[in-house]
């Protein structure tokens, strides 16, 4: 049996960074939490990485767009000069769809 580590996020785009053949996407999934008698928005920001064709398609994503992204989770680590090991989790997007264009949307998908 194959082991898997997957993610799925539906959220709004906050920032897009495109560099060479990779794109980085900051996306906020919004949760609600009760504070006293009221419900408040509680956004959780995630940074996702897009490669290949997905990175090419990233130029059509706009700030505020509502996306559904899904993919795999990859953990990496490195050791700093002081000997401390730093761990990092990458969200690698394997597929995405634009569900709703934000007011700054860039075009069709």
Protein backbone atom coordinates (compact mmCIF):
# COMPACT_ATOMS: atom_id res chain seq x y z
CA UNK A 1 0.00 0.00 0.00
CA UNK A 2 1.31 3.44 -0.94
CA UNK A 3 1.62 6.06 1.79
CA UNK A 4 0.27 9.51 0.95
CA UNK A 5 0.33 13.04 2.32
CA UNK A 6 -2.21 15.22 0.56
CA UNK A 7 -3.90 18.57 1.05
CA UNK A 8 -6.94 20.37 -0.30
CA UNK A 9 -7.67 24.07 0.20
CA UNK A 10 -10.51 26.29 -0.96
CA UNK A 11 -9.56 29.88 -0.37
CA UNK A 12 -8.85 33.38 -1.67
CA UNK A 13 -5.58 34.37 -3.31
CA UNK A 14 -3.59 37.00 -1.46
CA UNK A 15 -0.33 37.06 -3.40
CA UNK A 16 1.21 35.43 -6.48
CA UNK A 17 4.95 35.29 -7.14
CA UNK A 18 6.16 33.86 -10.45
CA UNK A 19 9.88 33.09 -10.83
CA UNK A 20 11.22 31.30 -13.89
CA UNK A 21 9.35 27.96 -13.98
CA UNK A 22 7.91 28.02 -10.46
CA UNK A 23 5.08 30.02 -8.92
CA UNK A 24 4.31 30.66 -5.26
CA UNK A 25 0.77 31.30 -4.16
CA UNK A 26 -0.42 32.69 -0.83
CA UNK A 27 -4.00 31.54 -0.26
CA UNK A 28 -6.26 32.15 2.74
CA UNK A 29 -8.75 29.57 3.91
CA UNK A 30 -11.32 31.34 6.06
CA UNK A 31 -12.74 29.68 9.14
CA UNK A 32 -15.23 31.04 11.64
CA UNK A 33 -14.73 30.99 15.38
CA UNK A 34 -16.98 32.06 18.18
CA UNK A 35 -15.80 34.97 20.28
CA UNK A 36 -18.23 35.59 23.11
CA UNK A 37 -21.65 35.59 21.48
CA UNK A 38 -20.40 36.56 18.01
CA UNK A 39 -18.78 34.66 15.15
CA UNK A 40 -15.61 36.12 13.66
CA UNK A 41 -13.62 35.29 10.54
CA UNK A 42 -10.35 33.50 11.27
CA UNK A 43 -8.28 33.30 8.06
CA UNK A 44 -5.41 30.80 7.86
CA UNK A 45 -2.72 31.65 5.29
CA UNK A 46 -1.01 28.92 3.32
CA UNK A 47 1.87 29.16 0.84
CA UNK A 48 1.67 26.73 -2.06
CA UNK A 49 4.18 25.97 -4.82
CA UNK A 50 3.27 25.36 -8.47
CA UNK A 51 5.58 23.76 -11.06
CA UNK A 52 5.34 22.99 -14.79
CA UNK A 53 2.00 23.60 -16.49
CA UNK A 54 0.43 24.76 -13.23
CA UNK A 55 3.10 27.44 -12.89
CA UNK A 56 2.42 28.52 -16.48
CA UNK A 57 -1.30 28.80 -15.69
CA UNK A 58 -0.56 30.90 -12.59
CA UNK A 59 -0.35 34.08 -14.66
CA UNK A 60 -4.13 33.83 -15.11
CA UNK A 61 -4.76 33.87 -11.35
CA UNK A 62 -5.63 37.20 -9.75
CA UNK A 63 -5.59 38.53 -6.22
CA UNK A 64 -8.94 37.82 -4.57
CA UNK A 65 -9.78 34.84 -6.83
CA UNK A 66 -11.42 31.92 -5.03
CA UNK A 67 -9.44 28.76 -5.85
CA UNK A 68 -9.66 25.08 -5.12
CA UNK A 69 -6.11 23.71 -4.91
CA UNK A 70 -5.02 20.17 -4.17
CA UNK A 71 -1.74 18.33 -4.12
CA UNK A 72 0.91 16.68 -2.05
CA UNK A 73 2.75 17.63 1.10
CA UNK A 74 6.54 17.49 1.07
CA UNK A 75 8.72 18.04 4.13
CA UNK A 76 12.29 19.24 3.80
CA UNK A 77 14.97 20.24 6.27
CA UNK A 78 18.37 21.83 6.43
CA UNK A 79 20.95 22.44 9.10
CA UNK A 80 21.95 26.00 9.96
CA UNK A 81 25.54 26.98 10.63
CA UNK A 82 24.83 26.96 14.37
CA UNK A 83 23.81 23.29 14.11
CA UNK A 84 20.06 23.79 14.51
CA UNK A 85 17.94 21.72 12.10
CA UNK A 86 15.17 23.72 10.40
CA UNK A 87 12.12 21.89 9.05
CA UNK A 88 9.85 23.20 6.32
CA UNK A 89 6.62 21.88 4.83
CA UNK A 90 5.95 22.50 1.12
CA UNK A 91 2.46 22.32 -0.36
CA UNK A 92 3.01 21.20 -3.97
CA UNK A 93 -0.04 21.97 -6.11
CA UNK A 94 -0.90 19.15 -8.52
CA UNK A 95 -4.25 20.57 -9.67
CA UNK A 96 -6.25 23.74 -9.23
CA UNK A 97 -9.43 25.36 -10.44
CA UNK A 98 -10.70 28.92 -10.26
CA UNK A 99 -14.12 28.84 -8.61
CA UNK A 100 -14.81 32.59 -8.61
CA UNK A 101 -12.94 35.58 -9.96
CA UNK A 102 -12.02 38.34 -7.53
CA UNK A 103 -12.32 41.97 -8.50
CA UNK A 104 -8.68 41.87 -9.70
CA UNK A 105 -9.06 38.67 -11.75
CA UNK A 106 -6.78 38.45 -14.77
CA UNK A 107 -8.75 36.38 -17.25
CA UNK A 108 -10.30 33.03 -18.09
CA UNK A 109 -9.07 29.64 -16.94
